[in-house]
Amino acid sequence: MKMQIEISDEDAALIERFLATTSEGTHGPLTIAKLIEMLMEDVALMLSRPGCWEAQGMWAHLSSHGYEEN
């Protein structure tokens, strides 16, 4: 699946600033595209491996924004 998203210039600048402060991970430098891909993979893990820490962390994050599992 390919996606296209729009974010504000202000948010993009803050995200780029954050990415510049991260160390290079096991898959190379973190980019906006890699960040989005990683987050989407963690959402998929909520169903495929609900007990793993990535899935639990994503549930906690989404719950803090008012999203609950039906």
PDB file of N, CA and C in Angstrom:
ATOM      1  N   MET A   1       0.840  -1.169   0.000  1.00  0.00           N
ATOM      2  CA  MET A   1       0.000   0.000   0.000  1.00  0.00           C
ATOM      3  C   MET A   1       0.885   1.232   0.000  1.00  0.00           C
ATOM      4  N   LYS A   2       0.565   2.180  -0.806  1.00  0.00           N
ATOM      5  CA  LYS A   2       1.259   3.460  -0.784  1.00  0.00           C
ATOM      6  C   LYS A   2       0.307   4.482  -0.202  1.00  0.00           C
ATOM      7  N   MET A   3       0.867   5.399   0.561  1.00  0.00           N
ATOM      8  CA  MET A   3       0.067   6.432   1.208  1.00  0.00           C
ATOM      9  C   MET A   3       0.683   7.793   0.933  1.00  0.00           C
ATOM     10  N   GLN A   4      -0.165   8.779   0.967  1.00  0.00           N
ATOM     11  CA  GLN A   4       0.315  10.150   0.909  1.00  0.00           C
ATOM     12  C   GLN A   4      -0.389  10.907   2.016  1.00  0.00           C
ATOM     13  N   ILE A   5       0.389  11.615   2.828  1.00  0.00           N
ATOM     14  CA  ILE A   5      -0.190  12.370   3.934  1.00  0.00           C
ATOM     15  C   ILE A   5       0.280  13.813   3.855  1.00  0.00           C
ATOM     16  N   GLU A   6      -0.464  14.669   4.505  1.00  0.00           N
ATOM     17  CA  GLU A   6      -0.065  16.067   4.618  1.00  0.00           C
ATOM     18  C   GLU A   6       0.060  16.415   6.090  1.00  0.00           C
ATOM     19  N   ILE A   7       1.146  17.071   6.436  1.00  0.00           N
ATOM     20  CA  ILE A   7       1.324  17.593   7.785  1.00  0.00           C
ATOM     21  C   ILE A   7       1.720  19.054   7.655  1.00  0.00           C
ATOM     22  N   SER A   8       1.485  19.789   8.702  1.00  0.00           N
ATOM     23  CA  SER A   8       1.806  21.215   8.653  1.00  0.00           C
ATOM     24  C   SER A   8       3.320  21.406   8.556  1.00  0.00           C
ATOM     25  N   ASP A   9       3.709  22.545   8.018  1.00  0.00           N
ATOM     26  CA  ASP A   9       5.135  22.868   7.938  1.00  0.00           C
ATOM     27  C   ASP A   9       5.762  22.898   9.328  1.00  0.00           C
ATOM     28  N   GLU A  10       5.003  23.403  10.305  1.00  0.00           N
ATOM     29  CA  GLU A  10       5.517  23.480  11.672  1.00  0.00           C
ATOM     30  C   GLU A  10       5.775  22.086  12.241  1.00  0.00           C
ATOM     31  N   ASP A  11       4.798  21.175  12.062  1.00  0.00           N
ATOM     32  CA  ASP A  11       4.989  19.811  12.550  1.00  0.00           C
ATOM     33  C   ASP A  11       6.136  19.125  11.810  1.00  0.00           C
ATOM     34  N   ALA A  12       6.212  19.326  10.508  1.00  0.00           N
ATOM     35  CA  ALA A  12       7.294  18.713   9.726  1.00  0.00           C
ATOM     36  C   ALA A  12       8.653  19.175  10.242  1.00  0.00           C
ATOM     37  N   ALA A  13       8.771  20.453  10.546  1.00  0.00           N
ATOM     38  CA  ALA A  13      10.042  20.981  11.060  1.00  0.00           C
ATOM     39  C   ALA A  13      10.376  20.359  12.416  1.00  0.00           C
ATOM     40  N   LEU A  14       9.368  20.221  13.292  1.00  0.00           N
ATOM     41  CA  LEU A  14       9.609  19.616  14.601  1.00  0.00           C
ATOM     42  C   LEU A  14       9.980  18.137  14.469  1.00  0.00           C
ATOM     43  N   ILE A  15       9.312  17.429  13.567  1.00  0.00           N
ATOM     44  CA  ILE A  15       9.626  16.019  13.351  1.00  0.00           C
ATOM     45  C   ILE A  15      11.042  15.869  12.805  1.00  0.00           C
ATOM     46  N   GLU A  16      11.395  16.698  11.834  1.00  0.00           N
ATOM     47  CA  GLU A  16      12.758  16.655  11.287  1.00  0.00           C
ATOM     48  C   GLU A  16      13.782  16.954  12.372  1.00  0.00           C
ATOM     49  N   ARG A  17      13.468  17.900  13.250  1.00  0.00           N
ATOM     50  CA  ARG A  17      14.379  18.229  14.350  1.00  0.00           C
ATOM     51  C   ARG A  17      14.544  17.028  15.282  1.00  0.00           C
ATOM     52  N   PHE A  18      13.417  16.351  15.589  1.00  0.00           N
ATOM     53  CA  PHE A  18      13.486  15.142  16.417  1.00  0.00           C
ATOM     54  C   PHE A  18      14.330  14.078  15.737  1.00  0.00           C
ATOM     55  N   LEU A  19      14.067  13.827  14.458  1.00  0.00           N
ATOM     56  CA  LEU A  19      14.794  12.782  13.732  1.00  0.00           C
ATOM     57  C   LEU A  19      16.297  13.057  13.723  1.00  0.00           C
ATOM     58  N   ALA A  20      16.668  14.317  13.662  1.00  0.00           N
ATOM     59  CA  ALA A  20      18.085  14.685  13.650  1.00  0.00           C
ATOM     60  C   ALA A  20      18.771  14.360  14.980  1.00  0.00           C
ATOM     61  N   THR A  21      17.968  14.210  16.048  1.00  0.00           N
ATOM     62  CA  THR A  21      18.553  13.934  17.362  1.00  0.00           C
ATOM     63  C   THR A  21      18.600  12.451  17.679  1.00  0.00           C
ATOM     64  N   THR A  22      18.021  11.606  16.813  1.00  0.00           N
ATOM     65  CA  THR A  22      18.010  10.168  17.091  1.00  0.00           C
ATOM     66  C   THR A  22      19.290   9.529  16.575  1.00  0.00           C
ATOM     67  N   SER A  23      19.713   8.496  17.287  1.00  0.00           N
ATOM     68  CA  SER A  23      20.888   7.759  16.833  1.00  0.00           C
ATOM     69  C   SER A  23      20.488   6.834  15.693  1.00  0.00           C
ATOM     70  N   GLU A  24      21.471   6.394  14.938  1.00  0.00           N
ATOM     71  CA  GLU A  24      21.204   5.480  13.837  1.00  0.00           C
ATOM     72  C   GLU A  24      20.842   4.126  14.424  1.00  0.00           C
ATOM     73  N   GLY A  25      19.675   3.621  14.063  1.00  0.00           N
ATOM     74  CA  GLY A  25      19.216   2.331  14.578  1.00  0.00           C
ATOM     75  C   GLY A  25      19.758   1.172  13.766  1.00  0.00           C
ATOM     76  N   THR A  26      19.234  -0.009  14.027  1.00  0.00           N
ATOM     77  CA  THR A  26      19.696  -1.206  13.336  1.00  0.00           C
ATOM     78  C   THR A  26      19.326  -1.196  11.852  1.00  0.00           C
ATOM     79  N   HIS A  27      18.384  -0.339  11.467  1.00  0.00           N
ATOM     80  CA  HIS A  27      17.961  -0.250  10.067  1.00  0.00           C
ATOM     81  C   HIS A  27      18.414   1.052   9.413  1.00  0.00           C
ATOM     82  N   GLY A  28      19.413   1.693   9.987  1.00  0.00           N
ATOM     83  CA  GLY A  28      19.912   2.947   9.435  1.00  0.00           C
ATOM     84  C   GLY A  28      19.247   4.145  10.078  1.00  0.00           C
ATOM     85  N   PRO A  29      19.494   5.322   9.543  1.00  0.00           N
ATOM     86  CA  PRO A  29      18.929   6.542  10.117  1.00  0.00           C
ATOM     87  C   PRO A  29      17.405   6.523  10.050  1.00  0.00           C
ATOM     88  N   LEU A  30      16.776   7.131  11.057  1.00  0.00           N
ATOM     89  CA  LEU A  30      15.325   7.226  11.082  1.00  0.00           C
ATOM     90  C   LEU A  30      14.883   8.406  10.222  1.00  0.00           C
ATOM     91  N   THR A  31      14.007   8.134   9.276  1.00  0.00           N
ATOM     92  CA  THR A  31      13.440   9.160   8.402  1.00  0.00           C
ATOM     93  C   THR A  31      11.944   9.241   8.685  1.00  0.00           C
ATOM     94  N   ILE A  32      11.300  10.255   8.146  1.00  0.00           N
ATOM     95  CA  ILE A  32       9.848  10.363   8.318  1.00  0.00           C
ATOM     96  C   ILE A  32       9.169   9.130   7.729  1.00  0.00           C
ATOM     97  N   ALA A  33       9.603   8.682   6.559  1.00  0.00           N
ATOM     98  CA  ALA A  33       8.999   7.501   5.933  1.00  0.00           C
ATOM     99  C   ALA A  33       9.181   6.266   6.804  1.00  0.00           C
ATOM    100  N   LYS A  34      10.396   6.068   7.359  1.00  0.00           N
ATOM    101  CA  LYS A  34      10.633   4.911   8.221  1.00  0.00           C
ATOM    102  C   LYS A  34       9.824   5.001   9.510  1.00  0.00           C
ATOM    103  N   LEU A  35       9.688   6.209  10.042  1.00  0.00           N
ATOM    104  CA  LEU A  35       8.899   6.408  11.257  1.00  0.00           C
ATOM    105  C   LEU A  35       7.445   6.014  11.021  1.00  0.00           C
ATOM    106  N   ILE A  36       6.870   6.475   9.928  1.00  0.00           N
ATOM    107  CA  ILE A  36       5.477   6.142   9.603  1.00  0.00           C
ATOM    108  C   ILE A  36       5.333   4.639   9.381  1.00  0.00           C
ATOM    109  N   GLU A  37       6.261   4.041   8.655  1.00  0.00           N
ATOM    110  CA  GLU A  37       6.220   2.606   8.400  1.00  0.00           C
ATOM    111  C   GLU A  37       6.275   1.817   9.713  1.00  0.00           C
ATOM    112  N   MET A  38       7.151   2.231  10.618  1.00  0.00           N
ATOM    113  CA  MET A  38       7.287   1.550  11.899  1.00  0.00           C
ATOM    114  C   MET A  38       6.006   1.651  12.717  1.00  0.00           C
ATOM    115  N   LEU A  39       5.390   2.824  12.731  1.00  0.00           N
ATOM    116  CA  LEU A  39       4.155   3.001  13.483  1.00  0.00           C
ATOM    117  C   LEU A  39       3.029   2.153  12.905  1.00  0.00           C
ATOM    118  N   MET A  40       2.943   2.076  11.591  1.00  0.00           N
ATOM    119  CA  MET A  40       1.908   1.256  10.956  1.00  0.00           C
ATOM    120  C   MET A  40       2.142  -0.227  11.238  1.00  0.00           C
ATOM    121  N   GLU A  41       3.401  -0.654  11.255  1.00  0.00           N
ATOM    122  CA  GLU A  41       3.715  -2.039  11.603  1.00  0.00           C
ATOM    123  C   GLU A  41       3.291  -2.339  13.036  1.00  0.00           C
ATOM    124  N   ASP A  42       3.492  -1.381  13.937  1.00  0.00           N
ATOM    125  CA  ASP A  42       3.081  -1.586  15.322  1.00  0.00           C
ATOM    126  C   ASP A  42       1.564  -1.675  15.445  1.00  0.00           C
ATOM    127  N   VAL A  43       0.832  -0.930  14.636  1.00  0.00           N
ATOM    128  CA  VAL A  43      -0.629  -1.057  14.620  1.00  0.00           C
ATOM    129  C   VAL A  43      -1.018  -2.458  14.157  1.00  0.00           C
ATOM    130  N   ALA A  44      -0.371  -2.975  13.123  1.00  0.00           N
ATOM    131  CA  ALA A  44      -0.656  -4.331  12.649  1.00  0.00           C
ATOM    132  C   ALA A  44      -0.358  -5.359  13.740  1.00  0.00           C
ATOM    133  N   LEU A  45       0.696  -5.123  14.526  1.00  0.00           N
ATOM    134  CA  LEU A  45       1.041  -6.033  15.618  1.00  0.00           C
ATOM    135  C   LEU A  45      -0.035  -6.077  16.694  1.00  0.00           C
ATOM    136  N   MET A  46      -0.833  -5.033  16.794  1.00  0.00           N
ATOM    137  CA  MET A  46      -1.920  -5.024  17.769  1.00  0.00           C
ATOM    138  C   MET A  46      -2.878  -6.187  17.510  1.00  0.00           C
ATOM    139  N   LEU A  47      -2.974  -6.637  16.276  1.00  0.00           N
ATOM    140  CA  LEU A  47      -3.842  -7.762  15.936  1.00  0.00           C
ATOM    141  C   LEU A  47      -3.065  -9.066  15.787  1.00  0.00           C
ATOM    142  N   SER A  48      -1.875  -9.005  15.194  1.00  0.00           N
ATOM    143  CA  SER A  48      -1.141 -10.245  14.940  1.00  0.00           C
ATOM    144  C   SER A  48      -0.389 -10.754  16.169  1.00  0.00           C
ATOM    145  N   ARG A  49       0.063  -9.857  17.038  1.00  0.00           N
ATOM    146  CA  ARG A  49       0.800 -10.241  18.259  1.00  0.00           C
ATOM    147  C   ARG A  49       0.403  -9.299  19.394  1.00  0.00           C
ATOM    148  N   PRO A  50      -0.859  -9.377  19.845  1.00  0.00           N
ATOM    149  CA  PRO A  50      -1.383  -8.386  20.789  1.00  0.00           C
ATOM    150  C   PRO A  50      -0.634  -8.291  22.116  1.00  0.00           C
ATOM    151  N   GLY A  51       0.090  -9.314  22.509  1.00  0.00           N
ATOM    152  CA  GLY A  51       0.796  -9.273  23.779  1.00  0.00           C
ATOM    153  C   GLY A  51       2.198  -8.697  23.719  1.00  0.00           C
ATOM    154  N   CYS A  52       2.715  -8.432  22.522  1.00  0.00           N
ATOM    155  CA  CYS A  52       4.090  -7.929  22.428  1.00  0.00           C
ATOM    156  C   CYS A  52       4.160  -6.469  22.899  1.00  0.00           C
ATOM    157  N   TRP A  53       5.342  -6.040  23.266  1.00  0.00           N
ATOM    158  CA  TRP A  53       5.485  -4.704  23.837  1.00  0.00           C
ATOM    159  C   TRP A  53       5.158  -3.608  22.836  1.00  0.00           C
ATOM    160  N   GLU A  54       5.449  -3.834  21.536  1.00  0.00           N
ATOM    161  CA  GLU A  54       5.137  -2.815  20.531  1.00  0.00           C
ATOM    162  C   GLU A  54       3.629  -2.600  20.439  1.00  0.00           C
ATOM    163  N   ALA A  55       2.876  -3.715  20.431  1.00  0.00           N
ATOM    164  CA  ALA A  55       1.412  -3.624  20.360  1.00  0.00           C
ATOM    165  C   ALA A  55       0.850  -2.973  21.623  1.00  0.00           C
ATOM    166  N   GLN A  56       1.368  -3.369  22.771  1.00  0.00           N
ATOM    167  CA  GLN A  56       0.886  -2.789  24.025  1.00  0.00           C
ATOM    168  C   GLN A  56       1.172  -1.289  24.081  1.00  0.00           C
ATOM    169  N   GLY A  57       2.348  -0.903  23.607  1.00  0.00           N
ATOM    170  CA  GLY A  57       2.685   0.521  23.576  1.00  0.00           C
ATOM    171  C   GLY A  57       1.777   1.306  22.643  1.00  0.00           C
ATOM    172  N   MET A  58       1.438   0.713  21.503  1.00  0.00           N
ATOM    173  CA  MET A  58       0.559   1.391  20.560  1.00  0.00           C
ATOM    174  C   MET A  58      -0.843   1.517  21.140  1.00  0.00           C
ATOM    175  N   TRP A  59      -1.335   0.448  21.816  1.00  0.00           N
ATOM    176  CA  TRP A  59      -2.643   0.544  22.470  1.00  0.00           C
ATOM    177  C   TRP A  59      -2.633   1.645  23.518  1.00  0.00           C
ATOM    178  N   ALA A  60      -1.580   1.731  24.292  1.00  0.00           N
ATOM    179  CA  ALA A  60      -1.491   2.770  25.321  1.00  0.00           C
ATOM    180  C   ALA A  60      -1.517   4.154  24.682  1.00  0.00           C
ATOM    181  N   HIS A  61      -0.795   4.305  23.596  1.00  0.00           N
ATOM    182  CA  HIS A  61      -0.757   5.601  22.912  1.00  0.00           C
ATOM    183  C   HIS A  61      -2.130   5.967  22.346  1.00  0.00           C
ATOM    184  N   LEU A  62      -2.758   5.031  21.644  1.00  0.00           N
ATOM    185  CA  LEU A  62      -4.066   5.304  21.062  1.00  0.00           C
ATOM    186  C   LEU A  62      -5.121   5.540  22.138  1.00  0.00           C
ATOM    187  N   SER A  63      -5.026   4.798  23.242  1.00  0.00           N
ATOM    188  CA  SER A  63      -5.970   4.993  24.351  1.00  0.00           C
ATOM    189  C   SER A  63      -5.840   6.396  24.932  1.00  0.00           C
ATOM    190  N   SER A  64      -4.617   6.906  24.985  1.00  0.00           N
ATOM    191  CA  SER A  64      -4.429   8.254  25.530  1.00  0.00           C
ATOM    192  C   SER A  64      -5.065   9.311  24.647  1.00  0.00           C
ATOM    193  N   HIS A  65      -5.351   8.955  23.403  1.00  0.00           N
ATOM    194  CA  HIS A  65      -6.036   9.858  22.473  1.00  0.00           C
ATOM    195  C   HIS A  65      -7.526   9.546  22.396  1.00  0.00           C
ATOM    196  N   GLY A  66      -8.006   8.643  23.255  1.00  0.00           N
ATOM    197  CA  GLY A  66      -9.427   8.351  23.347  1.00  0.00           C
ATOM    198  C   GLY A  66      -9.902   7.192  22.477  1.00  0.00           C
ATOM    199  N   TYR A  67      -8.996   6.442  21.850  1.00  0.00           N
ATOM    200  CA  TYR A  67      -9.390   5.310  21.017  1.00  0.00           C
ATOM    201  C   TYR A  67      -9.367   4.037  21.850  1.00  0.00           C
ATOM    202  N   GLU A  68     -10.446   3.270  21.754  1.00  0.00           N
ATOM    203  CA  GLU A  68     -10.570   2.023  22.500  1.00  0.00           C
ATOM    204  C   GLU A  68     -10.865   0.882  21.557  1.00  0.00           C
ATOM    205  N   GLU A  69     -10.503  -0.323  21.955  1.00  0.00           N
ATOM    206  CA  GLU A  69     -10.813  -1.514  21.174  1.00  0.00           C
ATOM    207  C   GLU A  69     -12.285  -1.847  21.351  1.00  0.00           C
ATOM    208  N   ASN A  70     -12.952  -2.160  20.258  1.00  0.00           N
ATOM    209  CA  ASN A  70     -14.366  -2.566  20.322  1.00  0.00           C
ATOM    210  C   ASN A  70     -14.475  -4.041  20.536  1.00  0.00           C
TER     211      ASN A  70
END
